[in-house]
Amino acid sequence: MTNSPELRKLERRSYGAAYADGVIDVFVGISTAWLGAVWLLWPDYLPGAAALVAVSISPMTVRRKRFVQARTGYVKFTEHRRRRERLVYTAAGVLFAGFMLMARPLGSLQSDDIDWAVGPDSLIAWLLALIAVVLGVIVGAKRTLAYATVLIATGAIFAMVEARFGWPLLASGVVFFLTGSVMTRRFLNRYPLTEAS
């Protein structure tokens, strides 16, 4: 019964709706913009800023779950779907850790050390874009692939104008934040908080 095409399709749609609240998008936007801003203003504190983002992920997921369930109720997905979800979170954590290991040496490069078209800030934006593409393929999320496109574009644009480090992440983060805010507003309009909640 649980393997019927109709139920699988219903679960897929329900799962997609459960992640259309925009909270993760807002968090990613704030985190990306935060890293870009710190890189611009206080580059020596970039590792600490990244660590702050890392330790904020778990509390964010817990609060997001409460936020969604208070409006849509509790939904228990099949073990296959939950296993896939755990895989996504694990992959995101591993990719973020890998990003931090690579971002620090890239960020210490000077523009004179490498070709201007692939400056350190652009390399980091494109590295994040690669992570977004990998996650997008794993999750099957077109939105994640769109975010990868934004990162690639901002990396290229700010490389051409030879802007200071951090601008590609800051600009991309603003785009992600605005997208997530629109999604969250739509989610709140569609699923208002009930008196029973």
N, C-alpha and C. Protein backbone atom coordinates (compact mmCIF):
# COMPACT_ATOMS: atom_id res chain seq x y z
N MET A 1 0.82 -1.20 0.00
CA MET A 1 0.00 0.00 0.00
C MET A 1 0.86 1.26 0.00
N THR A 2 1.92 1.26 0.85
CA THR A 2 2.77 2.44 0.94
C THR A 2 3.63 2.61 -0.29
N ASN A 3 3.73 1.56 -1.14
CA ASN A 3 4.54 1.65 -2.35
C ASN A 3 3.72 2.01 -3.58
N SER A 4 2.45 2.30 -3.41
CA SER A 4 1.62 2.63 -4.55
C SER A 4 2.09 3.96 -5.16
N PRO A 5 2.02 4.08 -6.48
CA PRO A 5 2.47 5.32 -7.14
C PRO A 5 1.73 6.55 -6.63
N GLU A 6 0.44 6.40 -6.32
CA GLU A 6 -0.35 7.54 -5.85
C GLU A 6 0.17 8.05 -4.50
N LEU A 7 0.47 7.12 -3.59
CA LEU A 7 0.96 7.52 -2.27
C LEU A 7 2.37 8.10 -2.36
N ARG A 8 3.19 7.53 -3.23
CA ARG A 8 4.54 8.07 -3.39
C ARG A 8 4.49 9.49 -3.95
N LYS A 9 3.58 9.70 -4.89
CA LYS A 9 3.43 11.03 -5.46
C LYS A 9 2.91 12.02 -4.43
N LEU A 10 1.97 11.57 -3.61
CA LEU A 10 1.42 12.42 -2.55
C LEU A 10 2.50 12.78 -1.53
N GLU A 11 3.31 11.79 -1.16
CA GLU A 11 4.37 12.06 -0.20
C GLU A 11 5.40 13.02 -0.78
N ARG A 12 5.72 12.84 -2.05
CA ARG A 12 6.69 13.73 -2.69
C ARG A 12 6.19 15.17 -2.69
N ARG A 13 4.90 15.34 -2.98
CA ARG A 13 4.33 16.68 -2.97
C ARG A 13 4.27 17.25 -1.56
N SER A 14 3.93 16.42 -0.59
CA SER A 14 3.87 16.87 0.80
C SER A 14 5.25 17.26 1.31
N TYR A 15 6.25 16.47 0.92
CA TYR A 15 7.62 16.75 1.34
C TYR A 15 8.10 18.07 0.75
N GLY A 16 7.77 18.28 -0.52
CA GLY A 16 8.14 19.54 -1.17
C GLY A 16 7.47 20.72 -0.48
N ALA A 17 6.20 20.55 -0.12
CA ALA A 17 5.47 21.63 0.56
C ALA A 17 6.06 21.90 1.94
N ALA A 18 6.53 20.84 2.60
CA ALA A 18 7.09 20.99 3.95
C ALA A 18 8.38 21.80 3.93
N TYR A 19 9.05 21.86 2.78
CA TYR A 19 10.29 22.62 2.69
C TYR A 19 10.11 23.89 1.85
N ALA A 20 8.87 24.34 1.72
CA ALA A 20 8.60 25.57 0.97
C ALA A 20 8.34 26.74 1.91
N ASP A 21 8.74 26.59 3.19
CA ASP A 21 8.48 27.65 4.17
C ASP A 21 9.48 28.79 4.09
N GLY A 22 10.64 28.56 3.48
CA GLY A 22 11.61 29.62 3.28
C GLY A 22 12.56 29.86 4.44
N VAL A 23 12.37 29.16 5.56
CA VAL A 23 13.22 29.41 6.74
C VAL A 23 14.68 29.06 6.46
N ILE A 24 14.90 27.91 5.84
CA ILE A 24 16.27 27.51 5.52
C ILE A 24 16.90 28.50 4.54
N ASP A 25 16.10 28.97 3.59
CA ASP A 25 16.60 29.94 2.61
C ASP A 25 17.02 31.24 3.29
N VAL A 26 16.19 31.70 4.24
CA VAL A 26 16.53 32.91 4.99
C VAL A 26 17.83 32.69 5.78
N PHE A 27 17.93 31.53 6.41
CA PHE A 27 19.14 31.22 7.19
C PHE A 27 20.37 31.19 6.31
N VAL A 28 20.27 30.53 5.17
CA VAL A 28 21.40 30.45 4.24
C VAL A 28 21.76 31.85 3.75
N GLY A 29 20.74 32.67 3.47
CA GLY A 29 20.99 34.03 3.02
C GLY A 29 21.72 34.85 4.07
N ILE A 30 21.23 34.81 5.30
CA ILE A 30 21.87 35.56 6.38
C ILE A 30 23.30 35.07 6.61
N SER A 31 23.48 33.74 6.59
CA SER A 31 24.80 33.16 6.83
C SER A 31 25.79 33.56 5.74
N THR A 32 25.35 33.48 4.49
CA THR A 32 26.23 33.82 3.37
C THR A 32 26.59 35.30 3.39
N ALA A 33 25.57 36.15 3.62
CA ALA A 33 25.83 37.59 3.69
C ALA A 33 26.73 37.93 4.88
N TRP A 34 26.52 37.23 6.00
CA TRP A 34 27.33 37.44 7.20
C TRP A 34 28.80 37.12 6.92
N LEU A 35 29.05 35.98 6.27
CA LEU A 35 30.44 35.61 5.95
C LEU A 35 31.06 36.63 5.00
N GLY A 36 30.27 37.09 4.03
CA GLY A 36 30.79 38.10 3.10
C GLY A 36 31.11 39.41 3.80
N ALA A 37 30.22 39.83 4.72
CA ALA A 37 30.42 41.09 5.44
C ALA A 37 31.64 41.01 6.36
N VAL A 38 31.79 39.87 7.05
CA VAL A 38 32.95 39.70 7.93
C VAL A 38 34.23 39.70 7.12
N TRP A 39 34.19 39.06 5.97
CA TRP A 39 35.37 39.02 5.11
C TRP A 39 35.75 40.43 4.65
N LEU A 40 34.74 41.28 4.42
CA LEU A 40 35.01 42.65 3.99
C LEU A 40 35.55 43.52 5.13
N LEU A 41 34.93 43.39 6.31
CA LEU A 41 35.21 44.30 7.40
C LEU A 41 36.24 43.79 8.40
N TRP A 42 36.15 42.51 8.74
CA TRP A 42 37.05 41.93 9.75
C TRP A 42 37.58 40.58 9.27
N PRO A 43 38.40 40.55 8.24
CA PRO A 43 38.84 39.28 7.65
C PRO A 43 39.54 38.33 8.62
N ASP A 44 40.18 38.89 9.64
CA ASP A 44 40.87 38.03 10.61
C ASP A 44 39.89 37.19 11.43
N TYR A 45 38.62 37.61 11.46
CA TYR A 45 37.63 36.91 12.27
C TYR A 45 36.76 35.96 11.44
N LEU A 46 37.15 35.74 10.19
CA LEU A 46 36.35 34.88 9.30
C LEU A 46 36.19 33.45 9.83
N PRO A 47 37.25 32.81 10.37
CA PRO A 47 37.05 31.46 10.92
C PRO A 47 36.03 31.43 12.05
N GLY A 48 36.07 32.44 12.92
CA GLY A 48 35.09 32.51 14.00
C GLY A 48 33.69 32.73 13.49
N ALA A 49 33.55 33.55 12.43
CA ALA A 49 32.24 33.80 11.84
C ALA A 49 31.68 32.52 11.24
N ALA A 50 32.54 31.74 10.59
CA ALA A 50 32.12 30.47 10.00
C ALA A 50 31.73 29.48 11.09
N ALA A 51 32.48 29.47 12.19
CA ALA A 51 32.15 28.58 13.29
C ALA A 51 30.79 28.93 13.88
N LEU A 52 30.48 30.22 13.95
CA LEU A 52 29.18 30.66 14.46
C LEU A 52 28.05 30.15 13.58
N VAL A 53 28.27 30.20 12.27
CA VAL A 53 27.27 29.67 11.34
C VAL A 53 27.08 28.17 11.58
N ALA A 54 28.19 27.46 11.73
CA ALA A 54 28.12 26.00 11.91
C ALA A 54 27.33 25.61 13.15
N VAL A 55 27.58 26.30 14.27
CA VAL A 55 26.89 25.93 15.52
C VAL A 55 25.45 26.40 15.52
N SER A 56 25.09 27.28 14.58
CA SER A 56 23.71 27.78 14.50
C SER A 56 22.80 26.86 13.69
N ILE A 57 23.38 25.92 12.96
CA ILE A 57 22.59 25.08 12.06
C ILE A 57 21.62 24.21 12.83
N SER A 58 22.09 23.53 13.86
CA SER A 58 21.22 22.62 14.61
C SER A 58 20.06 23.35 15.30
N PRO A 59 20.32 24.45 16.03
CA PRO A 59 19.19 25.18 16.63
C PRO A 59 18.20 25.69 15.58
N MET A 60 18.73 26.10 14.41
CA MET A 60 17.85 26.58 13.35
C MET A 60 16.90 25.49 12.87
N THR A 61 17.42 24.26 12.67
CA THR A 61 16.58 23.18 12.19
C THR A 61 15.50 22.81 13.20
N VAL A 62 15.84 22.86 14.49
CA VAL A 62 14.86 22.55 15.54
C VAL A 62 13.75 23.60 15.55
N ARG A 63 14.13 24.86 15.52
CA ARG A 63 13.13 25.93 15.55
C ARG A 63 12.30 25.97 14.28
N ARG A 64 12.95 25.66 13.15
CA ARG A 64 12.20 25.61 11.90
C ARG A 64 11.14 24.52 11.95
N LYS A 65 11.50 23.37 12.50
CA LYS A 65 10.55 22.26 12.60
C LYS A 65 9.35 22.66 13.44
N ARG A 66 9.59 23.36 14.55
CA ARG A 66 8.48 23.81 15.39
C ARG A 66 7.63 24.85 14.66
N PHE A 67 8.28 25.74 13.94
CA PHE A 67 7.61 26.78 13.18
C PHE A 67 6.65 26.17 12.15
N VAL A 68 7.15 25.16 11.42
CA VAL A 68 6.33 24.53 10.39
C VAL A 68 5.21 23.70 11.00
N GLN A 69 5.53 22.90 12.01
CA GLN A 69 4.52 22.02 12.60
C GLN A 69 3.41 22.79 13.29
N ALA A 70 3.71 23.97 13.81
CA ALA A 70 2.68 24.78 14.46
C ALA A 70 1.64 25.26 13.46
N ARG A 71 1.98 25.23 12.17
CA ARG A 71 1.07 25.72 11.14
C ARG A 71 0.51 24.62 10.24
N THR A 72 1.26 23.56 10.05
CA THR A 72 0.79 22.49 9.16
C THR A 72 0.51 21.18 9.88
N GLY A 73 0.88 21.12 11.17
CA GLY A 73 0.70 19.87 11.90
C GLY A 73 1.89 18.95 11.70
N TYR A 74 1.87 17.84 12.41
CA TYR A 74 2.97 16.88 12.36
C TYR A 74 2.72 15.87 11.24
N VAL A 75 3.73 15.68 10.43
CA VAL A 75 3.66 14.69 9.35
C VAL A 75 4.86 13.76 9.48
N LYS A 76 4.60 12.47 9.53
CA LYS A 76 5.69 11.50 9.59
C LYS A 76 5.84 10.86 8.22
N PHE A 77 7.00 11.09 7.61
CA PHE A 77 7.26 10.54 6.29
C PHE A 77 7.78 9.11 6.41
N THR A 78 7.82 8.41 5.29
CA THR A 78 8.28 7.03 5.29
C THR A 78 9.76 6.97 5.66
N GLU A 79 10.21 5.81 6.06
CA GLU A 79 11.61 5.63 6.46
C GLU A 79 12.55 5.96 5.31
N HIS A 80 12.16 5.61 4.10
CA HIS A 80 12.99 5.91 2.94
C HIS A 80 13.18 7.42 2.81
N ARG A 81 12.10 8.18 2.96
CA ARG A 81 12.18 9.63 2.84
C ARG A 81 13.01 10.24 3.97
N ARG A 82 12.84 9.71 5.18
CA ARG A 82 13.60 10.24 6.33
C ARG A 82 15.09 9.90 6.21
N ARG A 83 15.37 8.71 5.65
CA ARG A 83 16.76 8.32 5.43
C ARG A 83 17.41 9.26 4.41
N ARG A 84 16.66 9.59 3.39
CA ARG A 84 17.14 10.51 2.36
C ARG A 84 17.37 11.90 2.95
N GLU A 85 16.50 12.31 3.85
CA GLU A 85 16.65 13.61 4.51
C GLU A 85 17.92 13.64 5.35
N ARG A 86 18.16 12.55 6.09
CA ARG A 86 19.38 12.48 6.89
C ARG A 86 20.62 12.53 6.00
N LEU A 87 20.52 11.89 4.84
CA LEU A 87 21.63 11.91 3.88
C LEU A 87 21.90 13.33 3.42
N VAL A 88 20.84 14.08 3.17
CA VAL A 88 20.99 15.46 2.71
C VAL A 88 21.69 16.30 3.77
N TYR A 89 21.24 16.19 5.03
CA TYR A 89 21.84 16.98 6.10
C TYR A 89 23.30 16.58 6.32
N THR A 90 23.56 15.28 6.23
CA THR A 90 24.94 14.81 6.40
C THR A 90 25.82 15.34 5.27
N ALA A 91 25.30 15.25 4.05
CA ALA A 91 26.06 15.75 2.90
C ALA A 91 26.31 17.24 3.03
N ALA A 92 25.30 17.99 3.47
CA ALA A 92 25.46 19.43 3.65
C ALA A 92 26.55 19.73 4.68
N GLY A 93 26.55 18.98 5.78
CA GLY A 93 27.56 19.19 6.81
C GLY A 93 28.96 18.88 6.32
N VAL A 94 29.10 17.77 5.60
CA VAL A 94 30.41 17.38 5.08
C VAL A 94 30.90 18.40 4.05
N LEU A 95 30.00 18.82 3.17
CA LEU A 95 30.38 19.79 2.15
C LEU A 95 30.75 21.14 2.76
N PHE A 96 30.03 21.54 3.81
CA PHE A 96 30.34 22.81 4.47
C PHE A 96 31.71 22.73 5.13
N ALA A 97 32.00 21.58 5.77
CA ALA A 97 33.31 21.40 6.40
C ALA A 97 34.41 21.45 5.35
N GLY A 98 34.17 20.78 4.22
CA GLY A 98 35.15 20.82 3.14
C GLY A 98 35.33 22.22 2.59
N PHE A 99 34.22 22.95 2.51
CA PHE A 99 34.29 24.34 2.05
C PHE A 99 35.18 25.18 2.96
N MET A 100 35.00 25.01 4.28
CA MET A 100 35.79 25.80 5.23
C MET A 100 37.27 25.45 5.14
N LEU A 101 37.58 24.18 4.91
CA LEU A 101 38.98 23.78 4.78
C LEU A 101 39.63 24.41 3.55
N MET A 102 38.84 24.55 2.48
CA MET A 102 39.38 25.10 1.24
C MET A 102 39.31 26.62 1.19
N ALA A 103 38.28 27.18 1.89
CA ALA A 103 38.07 28.62 1.81
C ALA A 103 39.18 29.41 2.48
N ARG A 104 39.70 28.88 3.59
CA ARG A 104 40.72 29.63 4.32
C ARG A 104 41.99 29.86 3.49
N PRO A 105 42.57 28.81 2.88
CA PRO A 105 43.76 29.09 2.05
C PRO A 105 43.43 29.93 0.82
N LEU A 106 42.23 29.76 0.25
CA LEU A 106 41.85 30.58 -0.89
C LEU A 106 41.73 32.04 -0.49
N GLY A 107 41.13 32.25 0.70
CA GLY A 107 40.94 33.62 1.17
C GLY A 107 42.23 34.33 1.50
N SER A 108 43.29 33.58 1.76
CA SER A 108 44.57 34.20 2.09
C SER A 108 45.37 34.59 0.84
N LEU A 109 44.88 34.16 -0.32
CA LEU A 109 45.56 34.53 -1.56
C LEU A 109 45.37 36.02 -1.85
N GLN A 110 46.29 36.58 -2.57
CA GLN A 110 46.18 37.96 -3.02
C GLN A 110 45.86 37.96 -4.51
N SER A 111 45.22 39.01 -4.96
CA SER A 111 44.82 39.07 -6.38
C SER A 111 46.01 38.97 -7.31
N ASP A 112 47.15 39.46 -6.85
CA ASP A 112 48.35 39.41 -7.70
C ASP A 112 48.89 37.99 -7.85
N ASP A 113 48.47 37.10 -6.96
CA ASP A 113 48.99 35.73 -6.99
C ASP A 113 48.38 34.89 -8.10
N ILE A 114 47.18 35.25 -8.52
CA ILE A 114 46.47 34.47 -9.53
C ILE A 114 45.83 35.40 -10.54
N ASP A 115 45.34 34.82 -11.61
CA ASP A 115 44.72 35.62 -12.66
C ASP A 115 43.52 36.38 -12.13
N TRP A 116 43.33 37.62 -12.59
CA TRP A 116 42.25 38.46 -12.06
C TRP A 116 40.87 37.85 -12.27
N ALA A 117 40.69 37.08 -13.33
CA ALA A 117 39.38 36.52 -13.65
C ALA A 117 38.95 35.45 -12.66
N VAL A 118 39.88 34.93 -11.90
CA VAL A 118 39.54 33.93 -10.88
C VAL A 118 40.15 34.34 -9.55
N GLY A 119 39.79 35.53 -9.09
CA GLY A 119 40.30 36.01 -7.82
C GLY A 119 39.80 35.14 -6.67
N PRO A 120 40.41 35.28 -5.50
CA PRO A 120 40.04 34.45 -4.34
C PRO A 120 38.55 34.52 -3.99
N ASP A 121 37.98 35.74 -4.06
CA ASP A 121 36.57 35.87 -3.71
C ASP A 121 35.69 35.13 -4.70
N SER A 122 36.04 35.21 -5.98
CA SER A 122 35.27 34.49 -7.00
C SER A 122 35.43 32.99 -6.84
N LEU A 123 36.65 32.55 -6.52
CA LEU A 123 36.87 31.12 -6.32
C LEU A 123 36.00 30.58 -5.19
N ILE A 124 35.88 31.36 -4.11
CA ILE A 124 35.07 30.90 -2.98
C ILE A 124 33.60 30.90 -3.35
N ALA A 125 33.15 31.91 -4.09
CA ALA A 125 31.75 31.94 -4.54
C ALA A 125 31.47 30.74 -5.44
N TRP A 126 32.42 30.41 -6.31
CA TRP A 126 32.22 29.28 -7.21
C TRP A 126 32.33 27.95 -6.48
N LEU A 127 33.13 27.92 -5.43
CA LEU A 127 33.20 26.71 -4.60
C LEU A 127 31.85 26.47 -3.92
N LEU A 128 31.26 27.54 -3.40
CA LEU A 128 29.92 27.42 -2.81
C LEU A 128 28.90 27.01 -3.87
N ALA A 129 29.06 27.53 -5.07
CA ALA A 129 28.16 27.16 -6.17
C ALA A 129 28.25 25.67 -6.46
N LEU A 130 29.48 25.13 -6.45
CA LEU A 130 29.66 23.70 -6.67
C LEU A 130 28.96 22.89 -5.59
N ILE A 131 29.07 23.35 -4.34
CA ILE A 131 28.38 22.68 -3.23
C ILE A 131 26.88 22.71 -3.46
N ALA A 132 26.37 23.88 -3.88
CA ALA A 132 24.93 24.00 -4.13
C ALA A 132 24.48 23.07 -5.25
N VAL A 133 25.31 22.92 -6.27
CA VAL A 133 24.96 22.01 -7.38
C VAL A 133 24.91 20.57 -6.88
N VAL A 134 25.90 20.16 -6.09
CA VAL A 134 25.92 18.79 -5.56
C VAL A 134 24.68 18.54 -4.70
N LEU A 135 24.37 19.48 -3.81
CA LEU A 135 23.18 19.32 -2.97
C LEU A 135 21.92 19.32 -3.82
N GLY A 136 21.89 20.19 -4.83
CA GLY A 136 20.72 20.26 -5.71
C GLY A 136 20.47 18.94 -6.42
N VAL A 137 21.55 18.28 -6.84
CA VAL A 137 21.42 16.98 -7.51
C VAL A 137 20.93 15.93 -6.51
N ILE A 138 21.50 15.95 -5.29
CA ILE A 138 21.10 14.98 -4.27
C ILE A 138 19.64 15.16 -3.89
N VAL A 139 19.26 16.41 -3.65
CA VAL A 139 17.90 16.70 -3.19
C VAL A 139 16.91 16.71 -4.35
N GLY A 140 17.41 17.04 -5.55
CA GLY A 140 16.51 17.21 -6.68
C GLY A 140 15.78 18.54 -6.60
N ALA A 141 16.45 19.55 -6.02
CA ALA A 141 15.82 20.85 -5.80
C ALA A 141 16.29 21.86 -6.85
N LYS A 142 15.36 22.34 -7.64
CA LYS A 142 15.70 23.33 -8.65
C LYS A 142 16.12 24.64 -8.01
N ARG A 143 15.56 24.94 -6.84
CA ARG A 143 15.89 26.19 -6.15
C ARG A 143 17.38 26.23 -5.78
N THR A 144 17.91 25.09 -5.34
CA THR A 144 19.33 25.02 -4.99
C THR A 144 20.20 25.25 -6.21
N LEU A 145 19.79 24.71 -7.34
CA LEU A 145 20.53 24.92 -8.58
C LEU A 145 20.47 26.38 -9.00
N ALA A 146 19.32 27.03 -8.74
CA ALA A 146 19.20 28.46 -9.04
C ALA A 146 20.15 29.27 -8.17
N TYR A 147 20.30 28.87 -6.91
CA TYR A 147 21.23 29.57 -6.02
C TYR A 147 22.66 29.40 -6.51
N ALA A 148 22.98 28.23 -7.04
CA ALA A 148 24.31 28.01 -7.59
C ALA A 148 24.57 28.97 -8.74
N THR A 149 23.55 29.20 -9.56
CA THR A 149 23.67 30.14 -10.67
C THR A 149 23.94 31.55 -10.17
N VAL A 150 23.26 31.93 -9.08
CA VAL A 150 23.47 33.27 -8.49
C VAL A 150 24.92 33.41 -8.02
N LEU A 151 25.43 32.38 -7.35
CA LEU A 151 26.81 32.43 -6.86
C LEU A 151 27.81 32.53 -8.01
N ILE A 152 27.57 31.77 -9.07
CA ILE A 152 28.46 31.82 -10.23
C ILE A 152 28.43 33.22 -10.85
N ALA A 153 27.22 33.78 -10.97
CA ALA A 153 27.08 35.11 -11.57
C ALA A 153 27.74 36.19 -10.73
N THR A 154 27.51 36.18 -9.42
CA THR A 154 28.12 37.22 -8.58
C THR A 154 29.64 37.08 -8.55
N GLY A 155 30.13 35.84 -8.56
CA GLY A 155 31.57 35.64 -8.62
C GLY A 155 32.16 36.24 -9.87
N ALA A 156 31.48 36.03 -11.01
CA ALA A 156 31.97 36.55 -12.29
C ALA A 156 31.88 38.08 -12.35
N ILE A 157 30.74 38.61 -11.87
CA ILE A 157 30.54 40.07 -11.94
C ILE A 157 31.57 40.81 -11.10
N PHE A 158 31.74 40.36 -9.85
CA PHE A 158 32.67 41.08 -8.98
C PHE A 158 34.12 40.83 -9.34
N ALA A 159 34.38 39.75 -10.07
CA ALA A 159 35.73 39.54 -10.58
C ALA A 159 36.04 40.56 -11.67
N MET A 160 35.04 40.82 -12.52
CA MET A 160 35.25 41.76 -13.62
C MET A 160 35.46 43.19 -13.13
N VAL A 161 34.75 43.55 -12.05
CA VAL A 161 34.92 44.92 -11.53
C VAL A 161 36.03 45.00 -10.49
N GLU A 162 36.65 43.85 -10.22
CA GLU A 162 37.76 43.77 -9.27
C GLU A 162 37.40 44.38 -7.91
N ALA A 163 36.24 43.97 -7.39
CA ALA A 163 35.78 44.46 -6.10
C ALA A 163 36.55 43.80 -4.97
N ARG A 164 36.41 44.36 -3.77
CA ARG A 164 37.09 43.80 -2.61
C ARG A 164 36.54 42.42 -2.28
N PHE A 165 37.34 41.63 -1.57
CA PHE A 165 36.92 40.30 -1.15
C PHE A 165 35.61 40.38 -0.37
N GLY A 166 34.79 39.38 -0.53
CA GLY A 166 33.58 39.27 0.27
C GLY A 166 32.32 39.73 -0.44
N TRP A 167 32.45 40.56 -1.45
CA TRP A 167 31.26 41.08 -2.11
C TRP A 167 30.41 40.01 -2.79
N PRO A 168 31.00 39.02 -3.47
CA PRO A 168 30.16 37.97 -4.08
C PRO A 168 29.29 37.25 -3.05
N LEU A 169 29.86 36.93 -1.88
CA LEU A 169 29.08 36.25 -0.84
C LEU A 169 28.01 37.17 -0.27
N LEU A 170 28.35 38.43 -0.05
CA LEU A 170 27.40 39.38 0.51
C LEU A 170 26.22 39.59 -0.45
N ALA A 171 26.53 39.79 -1.72
CA ALA A 171 25.47 40.01 -2.71
C ALA A 171 24.59 38.78 -2.87
N SER A 172 25.21 37.60 -2.95
CA SER A 172 24.44 36.36 -3.09
C SER A 172 23.57 36.14 -1.86
N GLY A 173 24.12 36.41 -0.68
CA GLY A 173 23.36 36.23 0.54
C GLY A 173 22.12 37.09 0.57
N VAL A 174 22.22 38.32 0.08
CA VAL A 174 21.05 39.20 0.03
C VAL A 174 19.98 38.61 -0.88
N VAL A 175 20.38 38.07 -2.02
CA VAL A 175 19.43 37.43 -2.95
C VAL A 175 18.74 36.25 -2.27
N PHE A 176 19.52 35.40 -1.60
CA PHE A 176 18.96 34.23 -0.92
C PHE A 176 17.99 34.66 0.18
N PHE A 177 18.38 35.69 0.93
CA PHE A 177 17.54 36.18 2.03
C PHE A 177 16.21 36.71 1.50
N LEU A 178 16.26 37.50 0.44
CA LEU A 178 15.02 38.05 -0.13
C LEU A 178 14.12 36.95 -0.67
N THR A 179 14.72 35.96 -1.33
CA THR A 179 13.95 34.83 -1.84
C THR A 179 13.28 34.08 -0.70
N GLY A 180 14.04 33.78 0.35
CA GLY A 180 13.49 33.09 1.51
C GLY A 180 12.41 33.89 2.20
N SER A 181 12.57 35.22 2.27
CA SER A 181 11.57 36.07 2.90
C SER A 181 10.24 36.03 2.15
N VAL A 182 10.32 36.05 0.81
CA VAL A 182 9.10 35.95 0.01
C VAL A 182 8.42 34.60 0.24
N MET A 183 9.22 33.52 0.27
CA MET A 183 8.67 32.19 0.51
C MET A 183 8.02 32.09 1.89
N THR A 184 8.68 32.67 2.89
CA THR A 184 8.13 32.63 4.25
C THR A 184 6.83 33.39 4.34
N ARG A 185 6.75 34.56 3.68
CA ARG A 185 5.51 35.34 3.66
C ARG A 185 4.38 34.54 3.02
N ARG A 186 4.67 33.88 1.91
CA ARG A 186 3.65 33.06 1.24
C ARG A 186 3.21 31.90 2.13
N PHE A 187 4.19 31.30 2.82
CA PHE A 187 3.88 30.18 3.71
C PHE A 187 2.98 30.65 4.86
N LEU A 188 3.28 31.80 5.43
CA LEU A 188 2.47 32.33 6.52
C LEU A 188 1.06 32.66 6.06
N ASN A 189 0.95 33.17 4.85
CA ASN A 189 -0.38 33.48 4.31
C ASN A 189 -1.19 32.22 4.04
N ARG A 190 -0.49 31.18 3.61
CA ARG A 190 -1.18 29.93 3.29
C ARG A 190 -1.50 29.11 4.53
N TYR A 191 -0.60 29.16 5.52
CA TYR A 191 -0.79 28.38 6.75
C TYR A 191 -0.72 29.29 7.97
N PRO A 192 -1.77 30.05 8.23
CA PRO A 192 -1.76 30.94 9.40
C PRO A 192 -1.73 30.11 10.70
N LEU A 193 -1.19 30.71 11.73
CA LEU A 193 -1.14 30.07 13.03
C LEU A 193 -2.54 29.99 13.61
N THR A 194 -2.99 28.78 13.92
CA THR A 194 -4.34 28.60 14.45
C THR A 194 -4.37 28.85 15.94
N GLU A 195 -5.57 29.11 16.48
CA GLU A 195 -5.72 29.34 17.92
C GLU A 195 -5.31 28.11 18.71
N ALA A 196 -5.56 26.93 18.13
CA ALA A 196 -5.23 25.68 18.83
C ALA A 196 -3.72 25.53 18.97
N SER A 197 -2.94 26.14 18.02
CA SER A 197 -1.49 26.03 18.07
C SER A 197 -0.93 26.92 19.17
